[in-house]
C-alpha atoms as a PDB file:
ATOM      1  CA  UNK A   1      -0.028   0.046   0.039  1.00  0.00           C
ATOM      2  CA  UNK A   2       1.533   3.361  -1.130  1.00  0.00           C
ATOM      3  CA  UNK A   3       0.898   6.684   0.609  1.00  0.00           C
ATOM      4  CA  UNK A   4       2.230  10.087  -0.652  1.00  0.00           C
ATOM      5  CA  UNK A   5       3.657  12.760   1.661  1.00  0.00           C
ATOM      6  CA  UNK A   6       0.450  14.886   1.317  1.00  0.00           C
ATOM      7  CA  UNK A   7      -1.810  11.963   2.426  1.00  0.00           C
ATOM      8  CA  UNK A   8       0.677  11.421   5.443  1.00  0.00           C
ATOM      9  CA  UNK A   9       0.484  15.068   6.367  1.00  0.00           C
ATOM     10  CA  UNK A  10      -3.224  14.928   6.389  1.00  0.00           C
ATOM     11  CA  UNK A  11      -3.305  12.040   8.678  1.00  0.00           C
ATOM     12  CA  UNK A  12      -1.051  13.855  11.131  1.00  0.00           C
ATOM     13  CA  UNK A  13      -3.222  16.997  11.180  1.00  0.00           C
ATOM     14  CA  UNK A  14      -6.237  14.885  12.152  1.00  0.00           C
ATOM     15  CA  UNK A  15      -4.505  14.038  15.245  1.00  0.00           C
ATOM     16  CA  UNK A  16      -2.676  17.302  15.877  1.00  0.00           C
ATOM     17  CA  UNK A  17      -4.537  18.052  19.169  1.00  0.00           C
ATOM     18  CA  UNK A  18      -3.619  14.549  20.739  1.00  0.00           C
ATOM     19  CA  UNK A  19       0.069  15.209  19.202  1.00  0.00           C
ATOM     20  CA  UNK A  20       0.217  18.539  20.800  1.00  0.00           C
ATOM     21  CA  UNK A  21      -0.992  17.382  24.245  1.00  0.00           C
ATOM     22  CA  UNK A  22       1.543  14.491  24.288  1.00  0.00           C
ATOM     23  CA  UNK A  23       4.366  16.744  23.120  1.00  0.00           C
ATOM     24  CA  UNK A  24       3.311  19.306  25.831  1.00  0.00           C
ATOM     25  CA  UNK A  25       3.539  16.527  28.543  1.00  0.00           C
ATOM     26  CA  UNK A  26       7.133  15.480  27.412  1.00  0.00           C
ATOM     27  CA  UNK A  27       8.044  19.212  27.483  1.00  0.00           C
ATOM     28  CA  UNK A  28       6.904  19.639  30.913  1.00  0.00           C
ATOM     29  CA  UNK A  29       8.489  16.422  31.968  1.00  0.00           C
ATOM     30  CA  UNK A  30      11.755  17.670  30.330  1.00  0.00           C
ATOM     31  CA  UNK A  31      11.744  20.797  32.370  1.00  0.00           C
ATOM     32  CA  UNK A  32      11.038  19.071  35.705  1.00  0.00           C
ATOM     33  CA  UNK A  33      13.654  16.391  34.975  1.00  0.00           C
ATOM     34  CA  UNK A  34      16.346  19.060  33.880  1.00  0.00           C
ATOM     35  CA  UNK A  35      15.755  21.095  36.973  1.00  0.00           C
ATOM     36  CA  UNK A  36      16.240  18.073  39.223  1.00  0.00           C
ATOM     37  CA  UNK A  37      19.687  17.491  38.066  1.00  0.00           C
ATOM     38  CA  UNK A  38      22.466  18.855  39.947  1.00  0.00           C
ATOM     39  CA  UNK A  39      25.143  21.139  38.339  1.00  0.00           C
ATOM     40  CA  UNK A  40      28.545  19.588  37.683  1.00  0.00           C
ATOM     41  CA  UNK A  41      31.784  21.581  38.001  1.00  0.00           C
ATOM     42  CA  UNK A  42      35.176  20.666  36.725  1.00  0.00           C
ATOM     43  CA  UNK A  43      38.469  21.750  38.189  1.00  0.00           C
ATOM     44  CA  UNK A  44      41.635  21.568  36.117  1.00  0.00           C
ATOM     45  CA  UNK A  45      45.369  21.563  36.678  1.00  0.00           C
ATOM     46  CA  UNK A  46      48.379  21.457  34.333  1.00  0.00           C
ATOM     47  CA  UNK A  47      51.305  19.247  35.496  1.00  0.00           C
ATOM     48  CA  UNK A  48      54.748  18.552  34.047  1.00  0.00           C
ATOM     49  CA  UNK A  49      57.068  15.581  34.777  1.00  0.00           C
ATOM     50  CA  UNK A  50      59.310  16.679  37.628  1.00  0.00           C
ATOM     51  CA  UNK A  51      63.163  16.879  37.158  1.00  0.00           C
ATOM     52  CA  UNK A  52      65.530  16.356  40.080  1.00  0.00           C
ATOM     53  CA  UNK A  53      68.673  18.424  40.667  1.00  0.00           C
ATOM     54  CA  UNK A  54      70.823  15.213  40.830  1.00  0.00           C
ATOM     55  CA  UNK A  55      70.284  14.852  37.154  1.00  0.00           C
ATOM     56  CA  UNK A  56      73.133  17.200  36.571  1.00  0.00           C
ATOM     57  CA  UNK A  57      75.443  14.433  37.994  1.00  0.00           C
ATOM     58  CA  UNK A  58      74.340  11.920  35.325  1.00  0.00           C
ATOM     59  CA  UNK A  59      77.021  12.887  32.686  1.00  0.00           C
ATOM     60  CA  UNK A  60      79.793  12.414  35.121  1.00  0.00           C
ATOM     61  CA  UNK A  61      78.451   9.286  36.612  1.00  0.00           C
ATOM     62  CA  UNK A  62      77.809   7.340  33.344  1.00  0.00           C
ATOM     63  CA  UNK A  63      80.101   4.475  34.049  1.00  0.00           C
ATOM     64  CA  UNK A  64      78.940   4.223  37.567  1.00  0.00           C
ATOM     65  CA  UNK A  65      75.308   4.143  36.433  1.00  0.00           C
ATOM     66  CA  UNK A  66      76.206   1.141  34.042  1.00  0.00           C
ATOM     67  CA  UNK A  67      77.817  -0.622  36.969  1.00  0.00           C
ATOM     68  CA  UNK A  68      74.908  -0.027  39.274  1.00  0.00           C
ATOM     69  CA  UNK A  69      72.520  -1.200  36.477  1.00  0.00           C
ATOM     70  CA  UNK A  70      74.356  -4.632  36.311  1.00  0.00           C
ATOM     71  CA  UNK A  71      73.910  -4.826  39.953  1.00  0.00           C
ATOM     72  CA  UNK A  72      70.313  -4.395  39.611  1.00  0.00           C
ATOM     73  CA  UNK A  73      70.259  -0.955  41.237  1.00  0.00           C
ATOM     74  CA  UNK A  74      68.277   1.985  39.562  1.00  0.00           C
ATOM     75  CA  UNK A  75      69.818   5.248  40.586  1.00  0.00           C
ATOM     76  CA  UNK A  76      67.603   7.354  38.291  1.00  0.00           C
ATOM     77  CA  UNK A  77      70.667   9.187  37.070  1.00  0.00           C
ATOM     78  CA  UNK A  78      68.985  10.269  33.778  1.00  0.00           C
ATOM     79  CA  UNK A  79      66.028  11.778  35.569  1.00  0.00           C
ATOM     80  CA  UNK A  80      63.695   9.370  33.881  1.00  0.00           C
ATOM     81  CA  UNK A  81      60.200  10.747  33.124  1.00  0.00           C
ATOM     82  CA  UNK A  82      57.658   9.279  35.908  1.00  0.00           C
ATOM     83  CA  UNK A  83      54.675  10.877  34.339  1.00  0.00           C
ATOM     84  CA  UNK A  84      53.525   7.463  32.801  1.00  0.00           C
ATOM     85  CA  UNK A  85      54.186   5.642  36.008  1.00  0.00           C
ATOM     86  CA  UNK A  86      51.981   8.327  37.825  1.00  0.00           C
ATOM     87  CA  UNK A  87      49.307   7.953  35.528  1.00  0.00           C
ATOM     88  CA  UNK A  88      49.074   4.258  35.684  1.00  0.00           C
ATOM     89  CA  UNK A  89      49.283   4.445  39.637  1.00  0.00           C
ATOM     90  CA  UNK A  90      46.458   6.769  39.836  1.00  0.00           C
ATOM     91  CA  UNK A  91      44.197   4.291  38.142  1.00  0.00           C
ATOM     92  CA  UNK A  92      45.495   1.307  40.328  1.00  0.00           C
ATOM     93  CA  UNK A  93      43.358  -0.276  43.187  1.00  0.00           C
ATOM     94  CA  UNK A  94      46.207   0.175  45.480  1.00  0.00           C
ATOM     95  CA  UNK A  95      46.294   3.975  45.052  1.00  0.00           C
ATOM     96  CA  UNK A  96      42.617   4.291  45.277  1.00  0.00           C
ATOM     97  CA  UNK A  97      42.485   2.190  48.511  1.00  0.00           C
ATOM     98  CA  UNK A  98      44.315   5.139  50.146  1.00  0.00           C
ATOM     99  CA  UNK A  99      41.511   7.378  49.070  1.00  0.00           C
ATOM    100  CA  UNK A 100      38.896   4.944  50.093  1.00  0.00           C
ATOM    101  CA  UNK A 101      40.034   4.749  53.669  1.00  0.00           C
ATOM    102  CA  UNK A 102      39.274   8.515  53.872  1.00  0.00           C
ATOM    103  CA  UNK A 103      35.641   8.505  54.674  1.00  0.00           C
ATOM    104  CA  UNK A 104      35.220  12.277  54.226  1.00  0.00           C
ATOM    105  CA  UNK A 105      36.694  12.065  50.707  1.00  0.00           C
ATOM    106  CA  UNK A 106      34.323   9.282  49.616  1.00  0.00           C
ATOM    107  CA  UNK A 107      31.307  10.927  51.321  1.00  0.00           C
ATOM    108  CA  UNK A 108      32.084  14.196  49.463  1.00  0.00           C
ATOM    109  CA  UNK A 109      32.355  12.298  46.314  1.00  0.00           C
ATOM    110  CA  UNK A 110      29.057  10.231  46.313  1.00  0.00           C
ATOM    111  CA  UNK A 111      26.729  11.804  48.949  1.00  0.00           C
ATOM    112  CA  UNK A 112      26.517  15.614  48.190  1.00  0.00           C
ATOM    113  CA  UNK A 113      22.865  16.536  48.698  1.00  0.00           C
ATOM    114  CA  UNK A 114      23.054  20.163  47.763  1.00  0.00           C
ATOM    115  CA  UNK A 115      25.430  22.718  46.904  1.00  0.00           C
ATOM    116  CA  UNK A 116      24.482  26.580  46.755  1.00  0.00           C
ATOM    117  CA  UNK A 117      26.958  29.452  46.576  1.00  0.00           C
ATOM    118  CA  UNK A 118      27.661  31.183  49.876  1.00  0.00           C
ATOM    119  CA  UNK A 119      26.336  28.210  51.767  1.00  0.00           C
ATOM    120  CA  UNK A 120      28.122  25.280  53.488  1.00  0.00           C
ATOM    121  CA  UNK A 121      28.100  22.010  51.387  1.00  0.00           C
ATOM    122  CA  UNK A 122      25.234  19.719  52.443  1.00  0.00           C
ATOM    123  CA  UNK A 123      25.760  16.015  52.599  1.00  0.00           C
ATOM    124  CA  UNK A 124      22.926  13.531  52.590  1.00  0.00           C
ATOM    125  CA  UNK A 125      22.355  12.818  56.265  1.00  0.00           C
ATOM    126  CA  UNK A 126      20.514   9.588  55.311  1.00  0.00           C
ATOM    127  CA  UNK A 127      23.883   8.301  54.003  1.00  0.00           C
ATOM    128  CA  UNK A 128      26.578  10.065  56.104  1.00  0.00           C
ATOM    129  CA  UNK A 129      26.661  11.493  59.569  1.00  0.00           C
ATOM    130  CA  UNK A 130      28.666  14.607  59.399  1.00  0.00           C
ATOM    131  CA  UNK A 131      28.636  15.151  63.231  1.00  0.00           C
ATOM    132  CA  UNK A 132      30.204  11.695  63.866  1.00  0.00           C
ATOM    133  CA  UNK A 133      31.948  11.549  60.411  1.00  0.00           C
ATOM    134  CA  UNK A 134      30.571   8.020  59.962  1.00  0.00           C
ATOM    135  CA  UNK A 135      28.293   6.151  57.521  1.00  0.00           C
ATOM    136  CA  UNK A 136      24.927   5.128  58.485  1.00  0.00           C
ATOM    137  CA  UNK A 137      24.392   1.402  58.918  1.00  0.00           C
ATOM    138  CA  UNK A 138      22.818  -0.635  55.968  1.00  0.00           C
ATOM    139  CA  UNK A 139      22.363  -4.449  56.482  1.00  0.00           C
ATOM    140  CA  UNK A 140      21.759  -4.989  52.807  1.00  0.00           C
ATOM    141  CA  UNK A 141      25.030  -3.383  51.785  1.00  0.00           C
ATOM    142  CA  UNK A 142      28.262  -5.305  51.364  1.00  0.00           C
ATOM    143  CA  UNK A 143      30.021  -2.862  53.585  1.00  0.00           C
ATOM    144  CA  UNK A 144      27.376  -3.038  56.194  1.00  0.00           C
ATOM    145  CA  UNK A 145      26.869   0.653  55.884  1.00  0.00           C
ATOM    146  CA  UNK A 146      25.632   3.240  53.360  1.00  0.00           C
ATOM    147  CA  UNK A 147      29.448   3.492  52.159  1.00  0.00           C
ATOM    148  CA  UNK A 148      29.745   2.064  48.654  1.00  0.00           C
ATOM    149  CA  UNK A 149      31.754  -0.900  48.108  1.00  0.00           C
ATOM    150  CA  UNK A 150      35.445  -0.474  46.998  1.00  0.00           C
ATOM    151  CA  UNK A 151      34.789  -1.344  43.345  1.00  0.00           C
ATOM    152  CA  UNK A 152      31.659   0.865  43.002  1.00  0.00           C
ATOM    153  CA  UNK A 153      33.513   3.716  44.756  1.00  0.00           C
ATOM    154  CA  UNK A 154      36.501   3.421  42.378  1.00  0.00           C
ATOM    155  CA  UNK A 155      34.371   3.328  39.386  1.00  0.00           C
ATOM    156  CA  UNK A 156      32.648   6.545  40.362  1.00  0.00           C
ATOM    157  CA  UNK A 157      36.159   7.991  41.106  1.00  0.00           C
ATOM    158  CA  UNK A 158      37.506   7.211  37.716  1.00  0.00           C
ATOM    159  CA  UNK A 159      34.291   8.602  36.188  1.00  0.00           C
ATOM    160  CA  UNK A 160      34.980  11.936  37.927  1.00  0.00           C
ATOM    161  CA  UNK A 161      38.835  11.990  37.724  1.00  0.00           C
ATOM    162  CA  UNK A 162      40.850  12.271  34.649  1.00  0.00           C
ATOM    163  CA  UNK A 163      44.576  12.422  33.830  1.00  0.00           C
ATOM    164  CA  UNK A 164      46.179  12.168  30.547  1.00  0.00           C
ATOM    165  CA  UNK A 165      49.516  13.229  28.896  1.00  0.00           C
ATOM    166  CA  UNK A 166      49.484  15.634  26.021  1.00  0.00           C
ATOM    167  CA  UNK A 167      51.713  14.060  23.446  1.00  0.00           C
ATOM    168  CA  UNK A 168      52.594  17.261  21.619  1.00  0.00           C
ATOM    169  CA  UNK A 169      53.363  19.524  24.576  1.00  0.00           C
ATOM    170  CA  UNK A 170      54.413  16.779  27.127  1.00  0.00           C
ATOM    171  CA  UNK A 171      52.204  18.310  29.761  1.00  0.00           C
ATOM    172  CA  UNK A 172      49.926  16.308  31.920  1.00  0.00           C
ATOM    173  CA  UNK A 173      46.160  17.481  32.121  1.00  0.00           C
ATOM    174  CA  UNK A 174      44.443  16.472  35.241  1.00  0.00           C
ATOM    175  CA  UNK A 175      40.870  17.343  36.228  1.00  0.00           C
ATOM    176  CA  UNK A 176      38.085  16.480  38.642  1.00  0.00           C
ATOM    177  CA  UNK A 177      34.302  16.758  38.618  1.00  0.00           C
ATOM    178  CA  UNK A 178      32.003  17.325  41.364  1.00  0.00           C
ATOM    179  CA  UNK A 179      28.523  18.874  42.195  1.00  0.00           C
ATOM    180  CA  UNK A 180      30.470  21.479  44.227  1.00  0.00           C
ATOM    181  CA  UNK A 181      33.311  23.426  42.778  1.00  0.00           C
ATOM    182  CA  UNK A 182      35.009  23.745  46.067  1.00  0.00           C
ATOM    183  CA  UNK A 183      35.085  20.002  46.413  1.00  0.00           C
ATOM    184  CA  UNK A 184      36.212  19.643  42.794  1.00  0.00           C
ATOM    185  CA  UNK A 185      39.335  21.682  43.521  1.00  0.00           C
ATOM    186  CA  UNK A 186      39.930  20.198  46.907  1.00  0.00           C
ATOM    187  CA  UNK A 187      39.727  16.600  45.629  1.00  0.00           C
ATOM    188  CA  UNK A 188      41.943  17.382  42.786  1.00  0.00           C
ATOM    189  CA  UNK A 189      44.669  18.869  44.942  1.00  0.00           C
ATOM    190  CA  UNK A 190      44.413  15.987  47.232  1.00  0.00           C
ATOM    191  CA  UNK A 191      44.792  13.412  44.430  1.00  0.00           C
ATOM    192  CA  UNK A 192      47.891  15.083  43.035  1.00  0.00           C
ATOM    193  CA  UNK A 193      49.591  15.432  46.433  1.00  0.00           C
ATOM    194  CA  UNK A 194      48.720  11.960  47.329  1.00  0.00           C
ATOM    195  CA  UNK A 195      49.991  10.632  43.843  1.00  0.00           C
ATOM    196  CA  UNK A 196      53.404  12.447  44.400  1.00  0.00           C
ATOM    197  CA  UNK A 197      53.684  10.948  47.818  1.00  0.00           C
ATOM    198  CA  UNK A 198      52.782   7.550  46.692  1.00  0.00           C
ATOM    199  CA  UNK A 199      55.536   7.637  43.864  1.00  0.00           C
ATOM    200  CA  UNK A 200      58.181   9.043  46.214  1.00  0.00           C
ATOM    201  CA  UNK A 201      57.462   6.374  48.814  1.00  0.00           C
ATOM    202  CA  UNK A 202      57.775   3.584  46.076  1.00  0.00           C
ATOM    203  CA  UNK A 203      61.234   5.172  45.180  1.00  0.00           C
ATOM    204  CA  UNK A 204      62.331   5.556  48.542  1.00  0.00           C
ATOM    205  CA  UNK A 205      61.543   2.007  49.415  1.00  0.00           C
ATOM    206  CA  UNK A 206      63.493   0.795  46.460  1.00  0.00           C
ATOM    207  CA  UNK A 207      66.543   3.054  47.288  1.00  0.00           C
ATOM    208  CA  UNK A 208      66.526   1.841  50.908  1.00  0.00           C
ATOM    209  CA  UNK A 209      66.535  -1.830  49.649  1.00  0.00           C
ATOM    210  CA  UNK A 210      69.400  -0.877  47.335  1.00  0.00           C
ATOM    211  CA  UNK A 211      71.445   0.633  50.337  1.00  0.00           C
ATOM    212  CA  UNK A 212      70.901  -2.456  52.362  1.00  0.00           C
ATOM    213  CA  UNK A 213      72.064  -4.673  49.669  1.00  0.00           C
ATOM    214  CA  UNK A 214      75.077  -2.618  48.840  1.00  0.00           C
ATOM    215  CA  UNK A 215      76.148  -2.696  52.565  1.00  0.00           C
ATOM    216  CA  UNK A 216      75.743  -6.317  52.650  1.00  0.00           C
ATOM    217  CA  UNK A 217      77.948  -6.745  49.419  1.00  0.00           C
ATOM    218  CA  UNK A 218      80.656  -4.483  50.830  1.00  0.00           C
ATOM    219  CA  UNK A 219      80.748  -6.295  54.039  1.00  0.00           C
ATOM    220  CA  UNK A 220      81.195  -9.624  52.103  1.00  0.00           C
ATOM    221  CA  UNK A 221      83.800  -8.521  49.483  1.00  0.00           C
ATOM    222  CA  UNK A 222      87.504  -8.924  50.249  1.00  0.00           C
ATOM    223  CA  UNK A 223      88.841  -6.901  47.060  1.00  0.00           C
ATOM    224  CA  UNK A 224      89.643  -3.282  47.596  1.00  0.00           C
ATOM    225  CA  UNK A 225      88.496  -2.383  43.936  1.00  0.00           C
ATOM    226  CA  UNK A 226      85.235  -3.863  44.372  1.00  0.00           C
ATOM    227  CA  UNK A 227      84.584  -2.128  47.683  1.00  0.00           C
ATOM    228  CA  UNK A 228      85.575   1.198  46.217  1.00  0.00           C
ATOM    229  CA  UNK A 229      83.039   0.687  43.291  1.00  0.00           C
ATOM    230  CA  UNK A 230      80.295  -0.457  45.620  1.00  0.00           C
ATOM    231  CA  UNK A 231      81.065   2.329  48.009  1.00  0.00           C
ATOM    232  CA  UNK A 232      80.507   4.939  45.207  1.00  0.00           C
ATOM    233  CA  UNK A 233      77.466   3.309  44.007  1.00  0.00           C
ATOM    234  CA  UNK A 234      76.110   3.449  47.490  1.00  0.00           C
ATOM    235  CA  UNK A 235      77.209   7.123  47.952  1.00  0.00           C
ATOM    236  CA  UNK A 236      75.104   8.055  44.819  1.00  0.00           C
ATOM    237  CA  UNK A 237      72.289   5.842  45.974  1.00  0.00           C
ATOM    238  CA  UNK A 238      72.252   7.745  49.273  1.00  0.00           C
ATOM    239  CA  UNK A 239      72.307  10.988  47.460  1.00  0.00           C
ATOM    240  CA  UNK A 240      69.331   9.985  45.236  1.00  0.00           C
ATOM    241  CA  UNK A 241      67.717   9.053  48.569  1.00  0.00           C
ATOM    242  CA  UNK A 242      68.233  12.411  49.939  1.00  0.00           C
ATOM    243  CA  UNK A 243      66.740  14.245  46.906  1.00  0.00           C
ATOM    244  CA  UNK A 244      63.784  11.925  47.033  1.00  0.00           C
ATOM    245  CA  UNK A 245      63.022  12.727  50.603  1.00  0.00           C
ATOM    246  CA  UNK A 246      63.129  16.543  50.312  1.00  0.00           C
ATOM    247  CA  UNK A 247      61.083  16.752  47.178  1.00  0.00           C
ATOM    248  CA  UNK A 248      57.328  17.227  47.674  1.00  0.00           C
ATOM    249  CA  UNK A 249      56.621  17.288  43.893  1.00  0.00           C
ATOM    250  CA  UNK A 250      58.482  14.253  43.217  1.00  0.00           C
ATOM    251  CA  UNK A 251      56.820  12.840  40.170  1.00  0.00           C
ATOM    252  CA  UNK A 252      54.546  15.725  38.967  1.00  0.00           C
ATOM    253  CA  UNK A 253      55.343  19.360  39.249  1.00  0.00           C
ATOM    254  CA  UNK A 254      52.391  21.723  39.311  1.00  0.00           C
ATOM    255  CA  UNK A 255      52.487  24.485  36.694  1.00  0.00           C
ATOM    256  CA  UNK A 256      48.821  25.555  36.960  1.00  0.00           C
ATOM    257  CA  UNK A 257      47.257  24.700  40.319  1.00  0.00           C
ATOM    258  CA  UNK A 258      43.662  23.369  40.521  1.00  0.00           C
ATOM    259  CA  UNK A 259      41.324  26.252  40.011  1.00  0.00           C
ATOM    260  CA  UNK A 260      37.968  27.150  41.611  1.00  0.00           C
ATOM    261  CA  UNK A 261      35.521  26.552  38.631  1.00  0.00           C
ATOM    262  CA  UNK A 262      32.859  29.399  38.243  1.00  0.00           C
ATOM    263  CA  UNK A 263      30.762  27.834  35.522  1.00  0.00           C
ATOM    264  CA  UNK A 264      29.147  24.384  35.440  1.00  0.00           C
ATOM    265  CA  UNK A 265      30.039  22.054  32.575  1.00  0.00           C
ATOM    266  CA  UNK A 266      26.692  20.015  32.830  1.00  0.00           C
ATOM    267  CA  UNK A 267      23.940  19.574  32.472  1.00  0.00           C
ATOM    268  CA  UNK A 268      22.993  21.298  29.297  1.00  0.00           C
ATOM    269  CA  UNK A 269      19.373  21.855  30.299  1.00  0.00           C
ATOM    270  CA  UNK A 270      18.256  23.764  27.209  1.00  0.00           C
ATOM    271  CA  UNK A 271      19.555  21.063  24.987  1.00  0.00           C
ATOM    272  CA  UNK A 272      18.010  18.299  27.210  1.00  0.00           C
ATOM    273  CA  UNK A 273      14.723  20.039  27.230  1.00  0.00           C
ATOM    274  CA  UNK A 274      14.744  20.390  23.542  1.00  0.00           C
ATOM    275  CA  UNK A 275      15.714  16.915  22.797  1.00  0.00           C
ATOM    276  CA  UNK A 276      13.035  15.363  25.079  1.00  0.00           C
ATOM    277  CA  UNK A 277      10.272  17.640  23.738  1.00  0.00           C
ATOM    278  CA  UNK A 278      11.305  16.711  20.043  1.00  0.00           C
ATOM    279  CA  UNK A 279      11.232  13.027  21.026  1.00  0.00           C
ATOM    280  CA  UNK A 280       7.838  13.433  22.301  1.00  0.00           C
ATOM    281  CA  UNK A 281       6.647  15.061  19.078  1.00  0.00           C
ATOM    282  CA  UNK A 282       8.190  12.317  16.992  1.00  0.00           C
ATOM    283  CA  UNK A 283       6.962   9.460  19.096  1.00  0.00           C
ATOM    284  CA  UNK A 284       3.393  10.675  19.266  1.00  0.00           C
ATOM    285  CA  UNK A 285       3.398  11.454  15.495  1.00  0.00           C
ATOM    286  CA  UNK A 286       4.603   8.117  14.528  1.00  0.00           C
ATOM    287  CA  UNK A 287       2.227   6.347  17.016  1.00  0.00           C
ATOM    288  CA  UNK A 288      -0.894   8.023  15.472  1.00  0.00           C
ATOM    289  CA  UNK A 289       0.317   7.593  12.008  1.00  0.00           C
ATOM    290  CA  UNK A 290       0.873   3.962  12.288  1.00  0.00           C
ATOM    291  CA  UNK A 291      -2.442   3.591  14.186  1.00  0.00           C
ATOM    292  CA  UNK A 292      -4.409   5.422  11.376  1.00  0.00           C
ATOM    293  CA  UNK A 293      -2.623   3.405   8.616  1.00  0.00           C
ATOM    294  CA  UNK A 294      -3.300  -0.055  10.255  1.00  0.00           C
ATOM    295  CA  UNK A 295      -6.832   0.959  11.668  1.00  0.00           C
ATOM    296  CA  UNK A 296      -8.599  -1.631   9.548  1.00  0.00           C
ATOM    297  CA  UNK A 297      -6.159  -4.384  10.415  1.00  0.00           C
ATOM    298  CA  UNK A 298      -6.499  -3.480  14.149  1.00  0.00           C
ATOM    299  CA  UNK A 299     -10.236  -3.704  14.059  1.00  0.00           C
ATOM    300  CA  UNK A 300     -10.030  -6.981  12.240  1.00  0.00           C
ATOM    301  CA  UNK A 301      -7.522  -8.311  14.759  1.00  0.00           C
ATOM    302  CA  UNK A 302      -9.897  -7.152  17.655  1.00  0.00           C
ATOM    303  CA  UNK A 303     -13.001  -8.665  16.123  1.00  0.00           C
ATOM    304  CA  UNK A 304     -11.077 -12.158  15.865  1.00  0.00           C
ATOM    305  CA  UNK A 305     -10.058 -11.952  19.489  1.00  0.00           C
ATOM    306  CA  UNK A 306     -13.735 -11.062  20.474  1.00  0.00           C
ATOM    307  CA  UNK A 307     -15.109 -13.910  18.435  1.00  0.00           C
ATOM    308  CA  UNK A 308     -12.803 -16.472  19.806  1.00  0.00           C
END
């Protein structure tokens, strides 16, 4: 059966009042839904791989560096870029465990009830008790409280936190999203600082293990030449350890500090309302069009059902 465009338009106009009412209902719903969504703010920061002052010694310590490598000791004489390591660590479960143990951090990430400028941030008191800084009990939860499970919390964290390296510039771009601009900035600063502390702790542990190994080898060796070489390696290892312990921005140096966002990035309420309203118009138009084109078939089908 063939229908031209004019005939389809006539069929649609016959149902224009119904289409209008359904479209209006979708429009009203879209406004209510859009207004119910919380604003999302994003704080950004620009980082650069940290370079340490001991790197100036790398040219004069080349041979020593080769010997230490043979011994299985990494002195980091070339000031290797730790940005890729930092990015991978930030996505690891071991790193997020440090954040997960901070109840206030997790509560501010998942339980913000309302944010209004010039007012204190309000957390959902049915989830987290601000006075006691504890989660409310929930027997049906895997944690026994309203606190999300470790994996659920990490998924939400990775959905809000982003870190990537710009291949062209070499800079690292980090960002954090939140319903509160204050929380977005505070959380991003916390993550960057904790990331530097974690990488530094890993390096310090490795250097301490290297020093213990060298001390043991020096005590066992009877050759003066070997003792001298091992002593030089240990001297440089101790120097690397010293620079590691005094550096706060060990892996990532902050170029542009996390800022306090003034404008929301989501939701796009006007776009959302237009999309839902347009969807209502299309759905209602197609429904009545299909209904009118198949009216006889529908009547026949209903007659058969009644007769049976």
